[in-house]
C-alpha atoms as a PDB file:
ATOM      1  CA  MET A   1      14.099   5.678  -0.647  1.00  0.00           C
ATOM      2  CA  LYS A   2      15.315   5.022   2.854  1.00  0.00           C
ATOM      3  CA  GLU A   3      12.271   3.033   3.990  1.00  0.00           C
ATOM      4  CA  LEU A   4      10.079   0.441   2.298  1.00  0.00           C
ATOM      5  CA  SER A   5       7.008   2.151   3.768  1.00  0.00           C
ATOM      6  CA  LEU A   6       7.699   5.095   1.445  1.00  0.00           C
ATOM      7  CA  HIS A   7       7.685   2.760  -1.562  1.00  0.00           C
ATOM      8  CA  ILE A   8       4.352   1.379  -0.350  1.00  0.00           C
ATOM      9  CA  LEU A   9       3.024   4.928  -0.010  1.00  0.00           C
ATOM     10  CA  ASP A  10       4.091   5.713  -3.589  1.00  0.00           C
ATOM     11  CA  ILE A  11       2.493   2.572  -5.056  1.00  0.00           C
ATOM     12  CA  VAL A  12      -0.800   3.063  -3.203  1.00  0.00           C
ATOM     13  CA  GLN A  13      -0.971   6.683  -4.347  1.00  0.00           C
ATOM     14  CA  ASN A  14      -0.837   5.265  -7.895  1.00  0.00           C
ATOM     15  CA  SER A  15      -3.758   3.005  -6.941  1.00  0.00           C
ATOM     16  CA  LEU A  16      -5.749   6.052  -5.850  1.00  0.00           C
ATOM     17  CA  LYS A  17      -5.007   7.796  -9.141  1.00  0.00           C
ATOM     18  CA  ALA A  18      -6.205   4.628 -10.900  1.00  0.00           C
ATOM     19  CA  LYS A  19      -9.607   5.080  -9.180  1.00  0.00           C
ATOM     20  CA  ALA A  20      -9.239   2.037  -6.913  1.00  0.00           C
ATOM     21  CA  THR A  21     -11.932   1.564  -4.272  1.00  0.00           C
ATOM     22  CA  ILE A  22     -10.193  -1.374  -2.595  1.00  0.00           C
ATOM     23  CA  VAL A  23      -6.483  -1.433  -1.791  1.00  0.00           C
ATOM     24  CA  GLU A  24      -4.926  -4.411  -0.028  1.00  0.00           C
ATOM     25  CA  ILE A  25      -1.477  -4.116   1.551  1.00  0.00           C
ATOM     26  CA  ARG A  26      -0.022  -7.379   2.838  1.00  0.00           C
ATOM     27  CA  ILE A  27       3.355  -7.593   4.542  1.00  0.00           C
ATOM     28  CA  ASN A  28       4.843 -10.903   5.588  1.00  0.00           C
ATOM     29  CA  GLU A  29       8.004 -10.978   7.698  1.00  0.00           C
ATOM     30  CA  ASN A  30       8.951 -14.652   7.673  1.00  0.00           C
ATOM     31  CA  LEU A  31      12.016 -14.782   9.901  1.00  0.00           C
ATOM     32  CA  LYS A  32      12.140 -18.586   9.751  1.00  0.00           C
ATOM     33  CA  ASN A  33      12.557 -18.565   5.964  1.00  0.00           C
ATOM     34  CA  ASP A  34      14.514 -15.268   5.965  1.00  0.00           C
ATOM     35  CA  ARG A  35      12.002 -13.632   3.576  1.00  0.00           C
ATOM     36  CA  LEU A  36      10.138 -10.359   3.559  1.00  0.00           C
ATOM     37  CA  THR A  37       7.271 -10.061   1.083  1.00  0.00           C
ATOM     38  CA  ILE A  38       5.156  -7.040   0.285  1.00  0.00           C
ATOM     39  CA  GLU A  39       2.004  -7.346  -1.795  1.00  0.00           C
ATOM     40  CA  ILE A  40      -0.110  -4.389  -2.891  1.00  0.00           C
ATOM     41  CA  LYS A  41      -3.284  -5.180  -4.795  1.00  0.00           C
ATOM     42  CA  ASP A  42      -6.014  -2.840  -6.024  1.00  0.00           C
ATOM     43  CA  ASN A  43      -9.189  -2.863  -8.082  1.00  0.00           C
ATOM     44  CA  GLY A  44      -8.271   0.250 -10.056  1.00  0.00           C
ATOM     45  CA  LYS A  45      -8.414   0.719 -13.806  1.00  0.00           C
ATOM     46  CA  GLY A  46      -5.318  -1.432 -14.374  1.00  0.00           C
ATOM     47  CA  MET A  47      -2.648  -1.050 -17.048  1.00  0.00           C
ATOM     48  CA  SER A  48      -2.539  -1.902 -20.712  1.00  0.00           C
ATOM     49  CA  GLN A  49      -0.155  -4.699 -21.717  1.00  0.00           C
ATOM     50  CA  GLY A  50       2.161  -2.117 -23.293  1.00  0.00           C
ATOM     51  CA  LEU A  51       2.363  -0.004 -20.158  1.00  0.00           C
ATOM     52  CA  LEU A  52       2.712  -3.105 -17.968  1.00  0.00           C
ATOM     53  CA  GLU A  53       5.771  -4.219 -19.949  1.00  0.00           C
ATOM     54  CA  LYS A  54       7.415  -0.817 -19.331  1.00  0.00           C
ATOM     55  CA  ALA A  55       6.145  -0.236 -15.763  1.00  0.00           C
ATOM     56  CA  THR A  56       9.579  -0.601 -14.122  1.00  0.00           C
ATOM     57  CA  ASP A  57      11.328   1.603 -16.700  1.00  0.00           C
ATOM     58  CA  PRO A  58      12.331   4.798 -14.843  1.00  0.00           C
ATOM     59  CA  PHE A  59      11.670   6.902 -17.937  1.00  0.00           C
ATOM     60  CA  VAL A  60       8.043   5.827 -18.286  1.00  0.00           C
ATOM     61  CA  THR A  61       5.285   7.439 -16.236  1.00  0.00           C
ATOM     62  CA  THR A  62       1.616   8.321 -16.588  1.00  0.00           C
ATOM     63  CA  ARG A  63       2.049  11.415 -14.419  1.00  0.00           C
ATOM     64  CA  LYS A  64       1.765  14.819 -16.033  1.00  0.00           C
ATOM     65  CA  THR A  65       3.905  16.655 -13.442  1.00  0.00           C
ATOM     66  CA  ARG A  66       7.209  14.895 -14.193  1.00  0.00           C
ATOM     67  CA  ARG A  67       8.736  12.828 -16.970  1.00  0.00           C
ATOM     68  CA  VAL A  68      10.172  10.006 -14.866  1.00  0.00           C
ATOM     69  CA  GLY A  69       8.502   7.284 -12.794  1.00  0.00           C
ATOM     70  CA  LEU A  70      11.132   6.119 -10.329  1.00  0.00           C
ATOM     71  CA  GLY A  71       8.903   4.368  -7.776  1.00  0.00           C
ATOM     72  CA  LEU A  72       8.638   0.866  -9.204  1.00  0.00           C
ATOM     73  CA  SER A  73      12.099   0.855 -10.777  1.00  0.00           C
ATOM     74  CA  LEU A  74      13.751   1.830  -7.469  1.00  0.00           C
ATOM     75  CA  LEU A  75      11.767  -0.766  -5.540  1.00  0.00           C
ATOM     76  CA  LYS A  76      12.681  -3.457  -8.066  1.00  0.00           C
ATOM     77  CA  ALA A  77      16.375  -2.524  -7.831  1.00  0.00           C
ATOM     78  CA  ALA A  78      16.203  -2.569  -4.017  1.00  0.00           C
ATOM     79  CA  ALA A  79      14.580  -6.026  -4.053  1.00  0.00           C
ATOM     80  CA  GLN A  80      17.048  -7.493  -6.553  1.00  0.00           C
ATOM     81  CA  GLN A  81      19.944  -6.106  -4.531  1.00  0.00           C
ATOM     82  CA  CYS A  82      18.637  -8.177  -1.597  1.00  0.00           C
ATOM     83  CA  GLU A  83      18.216 -11.550  -3.344  1.00  0.00           C
ATOM     84  CA  GLY A  84      14.591 -10.774  -4.156  1.00  0.00           C
ATOM     85  CA  ASP A  85      12.507  -9.463  -7.029  1.00  0.00           C
ATOM     86  CA  LEU A  86       9.427  -7.489  -8.028  1.00  0.00           C
ATOM     87  CA  SER A  87       6.576  -8.689 -10.224  1.00  0.00           C
ATOM     88  CA  ILE A  88       3.560  -6.807 -11.519  1.00  0.00           C
ATOM     89  CA  GLU A  89       0.275  -8.229 -12.753  1.00  0.00           C
ATOM     90  CA  SER A  90      -2.357  -5.922 -14.176  1.00  0.00           C
ATOM     91  CA  VAL A  91      -5.537  -6.257 -16.206  1.00  0.00           C
ATOM     92  CA  GLU A  92      -7.332  -3.243 -17.622  1.00  0.00           C
ATOM     93  CA  GLY A  93     -10.631  -2.680 -15.858  1.00  0.00           C
ATOM     94  CA  ILE A  94      -9.805  -5.166 -13.079  1.00  0.00           C
ATOM     95  CA  GLY A  95      -6.775  -3.891 -11.181  1.00  0.00           C
ATOM     96  CA  THR A  96      -3.103  -4.278 -10.412  1.00  0.00           C
ATOM     97  CA  ARG A  97      -0.971  -6.434  -8.116  1.00  0.00           C
ATOM     98  CA  VAL A  98       2.613  -5.580  -7.161  1.00  0.00           C
ATOM     99  CA  TYR A  99       4.512  -8.339  -5.364  1.00  0.00           C
ATOM    100  CA  THR A 100       8.004  -7.791  -3.955  1.00  0.00           C
ATOM    101  CA  THR A 101      10.347 -10.149  -2.115  1.00  0.00           C
ATOM    102  CA  PHE A 102      13.541  -9.533  -0.144  1.00  0.00           C
ATOM    103  CA  GLN A 103      16.003 -11.639   1.779  1.00  0.00           C
ATOM    104  CA  TYR A 104      15.024 -10.488   5.258  1.00  0.00           C
ATOM    105  CA  SER A 105      18.525 -10.512   6.784  1.00  0.00           C
ATOM    106  CA  HIS A 106      20.333  -9.041   3.770  1.00  0.00           C
ATOM    107  CA  ILE A 107      22.749  -6.326   4.858  1.00  0.00           C
ATOM    108  CA  ASP A 108      21.507  -3.955   2.141  1.00  0.00           C
ATOM    109  CA  ARG A 109      17.786  -4.329   2.860  1.00  0.00           C
ATOM    110  CA  VAL A 110      16.372  -1.000   3.925  1.00  0.00           C
ATOM    111  CA  PRO A 111      14.075  -1.084   6.970  1.00  0.00           C
ATOM    112  CA  LEU A 112      10.328  -1.398   6.621  1.00  0.00           C
ATOM    113  CA  GLY A 113       9.964   2.010   8.227  1.00  0.00           C
ATOM    114  CA  ASN A 114       6.995   3.733   9.782  1.00  0.00           C
ATOM    115  CA  MET A 115       3.932   1.917   8.466  1.00  0.00           C
ATOM    116  CA  VAL A 116       1.657   3.719  10.926  1.00  0.00           C
ATOM    117  CA  ASP A 117       2.434   7.163   9.483  1.00  0.00           C
ATOM    118  CA  SER A 118       2.237   5.812   5.931  1.00  0.00           C
ATOM    119  CA  LEU A 119      -1.207   4.324   6.590  1.00  0.00           C
ATOM    120  CA  ILE A 120      -2.468   7.555   8.181  1.00  0.00           C
ATOM    121  CA  THR A 121      -1.183   9.515   5.164  1.00  0.00           C
ATOM    122  CA  LEU A 122      -3.005   7.105   2.855  1.00  0.00           C
ATOM    123  CA  LEU A 123      -6.247   7.410   4.839  1.00  0.00           C
ATOM    124  CA  ILE A 124      -6.126  11.186   4.470  1.00  0.00           C
ATOM    125  CA  ALA A 125      -5.241  10.958   0.761  1.00  0.00           C
ATOM    126  CA  SER A 126      -8.010   8.479  -0.037  1.00  0.00           C
ATOM    127  CA  GLU A 127     -10.636  10.610   1.674  1.00  0.00           C
ATOM    128  CA  GLU A 128      -9.434  13.722  -0.182  1.00  0.00           C
ATOM    129  CA  GLU A 129      -9.457  11.815  -3.489  1.00  0.00           C
ATOM    130  CA  ASP A 130     -12.937  10.476  -2.739  1.00  0.00           C
ATOM    131  CA  SER A 131     -14.374  13.883  -1.838  1.00  0.00           C
ATOM    132  CA  ALA A 132     -12.700  15.544  -4.859  1.00  0.00           C
ATOM    133  CA  ASP A 133     -14.284  13.073  -7.285  1.00  0.00           C
ATOM    134  CA  PRO A 134     -18.058  12.716  -6.808  1.00  0.00           C
ATOM    135  CA  SER A 135     -18.101   9.760  -9.251  1.00  0.00           C
ATOM    136  CA  ASN A 136     -16.294   7.706  -6.570  1.00  0.00           C
ATOM    137  CA  LYS A 137     -19.222   8.145  -4.203  1.00  0.00           C
ATOM    138  CA  SER A 138     -21.795   5.455  -3.628  1.00  0.00           C
ATOM    139  CA  GLU A 139     -24.685   5.002  -1.247  1.00  0.00           C
ATOM    140  CA  ASP A 140     -22.421   2.835   0.894  1.00  0.00           C
ATOM    141  CA  SER A 141     -20.392   5.105   3.169  1.00  0.00           C
ATOM    142  CA  ALA A 142     -17.760   2.389   3.400  1.00  0.00           C
ATOM    143  CA  ALA A 143     -17.232   2.353  -0.385  1.00  0.00           C
ATOM    144  CA  PHE A 144     -13.470   2.859  -0.215  1.00  0.00           C
ATOM    145  CA  ASN A 145     -11.665   0.164   1.723  1.00  0.00           C
ATOM    146  CA  TYR A 146      -8.080  -0.379   2.839  1.00  0.00           C
ATOM    147  CA  VAL A 147      -7.071  -3.837   3.970  1.00  0.00           C
ATOM    148  CA  TYR A 148      -3.758  -3.904   5.824  1.00  0.00           C
ATOM    149  CA  GLU A 149      -2.442  -7.287   6.880  1.00  0.00           C
ATOM    150  CA  HIS A 150       0.902  -7.595   8.617  1.00  0.00           C
ATOM    151  CA  GLN A 151       2.256 -11.018   9.471  1.00  0.00           C
ATOM    152  CA  ILE A 152       5.382 -11.885  11.446  1.00  0.00           C
ATOM    153  CA  ASN A 153       5.993 -15.632  11.388  1.00  0.00           C
ATOM    154  CA  ASP A 154       2.722 -17.168  12.638  1.00  0.00           C
ATOM    155  CA  GLN A 155       1.177 -13.993  14.120  1.00  0.00           C
ATOM    156  CA  THR A 156      -1.076 -11.708  12.063  1.00  0.00           C
ATOM    157  CA  PHE A 157      -2.559  -8.245  12.531  1.00  0.00           C
ATOM    158  CA  LEU A 158      -5.448  -7.240  10.250  1.00  0.00           C
ATOM    159  CA  PHE A 159      -6.840  -3.719   9.850  1.00  0.00           C
ATOM    160  CA  GLU A 160      -9.745  -2.905   7.543  1.00  0.00           C
ATOM    161  CA  THR A 161     -11.246   0.559   7.105  1.00  0.00           C
ATOM    162  CA  LYS A 162     -14.628  -0.774   5.947  1.00  0.00           C
ATOM    163  CA  GLU A 163     -15.393  -1.984   9.465  1.00  0.00           C
ATOM    164  CA  ILE A 164     -14.378   1.319  11.044  1.00  0.00           C
ATOM    165  CA  LYS A 165     -16.472   3.319   8.569  1.00  0.00           C
ATOM    166  CA  LYS A 166     -19.545   1.260   9.470  1.00  0.00           C
ATOM    167  CA  ILE A 167     -19.094   2.190  13.132  1.00  0.00           C
ATOM    168  CA  LEU A 168     -18.400   5.859  12.338  1.00  0.00           C
ATOM    169  CA  GLY A 169     -21.582   6.349  10.327  1.00  0.00           C
ATOM    170  CA  ASN A 170     -21.522   9.924   8.990  1.00  0.00           C
ATOM    171  CA  THR A 171     -18.300  10.873  10.764  1.00  0.00           C
ATOM    172  CA  PRO A 172     -15.493  10.955   8.201  1.00  0.00           C
ATOM    173  CA  ILE A 173     -12.517   8.671   8.772  1.00  0.00           C
ATOM    174  CA  ASN A 174     -10.190  11.646   8.310  1.00  0.00           C
ATOM    175  CA  ASP A 175     -11.686  13.438  11.325  1.00  0.00           C
ATOM    176  CA  VAL A 176      -8.738  14.474  13.510  1.00  0.00           C
ATOM    177  CA  TYR A 177     -10.007  12.512  16.535  1.00  0.00           C
ATOM    178  CA  VAL A 178     -10.691   9.401  14.473  1.00  0.00           C
ATOM    179  CA  LEU A 179      -7.228   9.574  12.886  1.00  0.00           C
ATOM    180  CA  ASP A 180      -5.650   9.966  16.321  1.00  0.00           C
ATOM    181  CA  TRP A 181      -7.500   6.862  17.565  1.00  0.00           C
ATOM    182  CA  ILE A 182      -6.532   4.876  14.446  1.00  0.00           C
ATOM    183  CA  LYS A 183      -2.898   5.944  14.793  1.00  0.00           C
ATOM    184  CA  ASN A 184      -2.762   4.744  18.403  1.00  0.00           C
ATOM    185  CA  TYR A 185      -4.614   1.538  17.528  1.00  0.00           C
ATOM    186  CA  LEU A 186      -2.197   0.724  14.704  1.00  0.00           C
ATOM    187  CA  LYS A 187       0.837   1.585  16.799  1.00  0.00           C
ATOM    188  CA  GLU A 188      -0.236  -0.556  19.757  1.00  0.00           C
ATOM    189  CA  ASN A 189      -1.100  -3.572  17.612  1.00  0.00           C
ATOM    190  CA  LEU A 190       2.023  -3.428  15.452  1.00  0.00           C
ATOM    191  CA  GLU A 191       4.207  -3.081  18.561  1.00  0.00           C
ATOM    192  CA  ARG A 192       2.425  -6.110  20.055  1.00  0.00           C
ATOM    193  CA  LEU A 193       2.970  -8.034  16.823  1.00  0.00           C
ATOM    194  CA  VAL A 194       6.713  -7.298  16.842  1.00  0.00           C
ATOM    195  CA  LYS A 195       7.033  -8.490  20.459  1.00  0.00           C
ATOM    196  CA  THR A 196       5.364 -11.876  19.838  1.00  0.00           C
END
């Protein structure tokens, strides 16, 4: 994949399929230490020890539509090519954590990419997944929550959908006007973060 944001999109879509109600995406661009780290953590159904041991094998997947699962194996290869690595922790019934590191300045490191569009895509996907599966519903309208934290050196931007859903009340987060506001909000804050 040409952008790390597409890898993030792929991993979080797996979290949605695993019935996660909380997904945390944490990106740390530490220019001083020349490291880029990406952590994706969910509270989904997790993986068995057997599946966890084979999770980065490109010929192992839980999907029914294709026989290969390239997402994690490609991300691991990309990280290792850039003096980094990928680790996965998962416990059945508790959730999964994917942690990836890269040498920030490595010539072969692909760019982070468009995190704003990836986050908007994930917001739409999570709402569709939630409305398609009534068992995901709870009395709390903010049941599903994304936490997105992006840090560059000592500056941090934090975005959490739970807070927005509280303000929205009965208006869905995937309403076209809400998504447009969120997109602009994310764009402005991430641009400000890059400039600091």
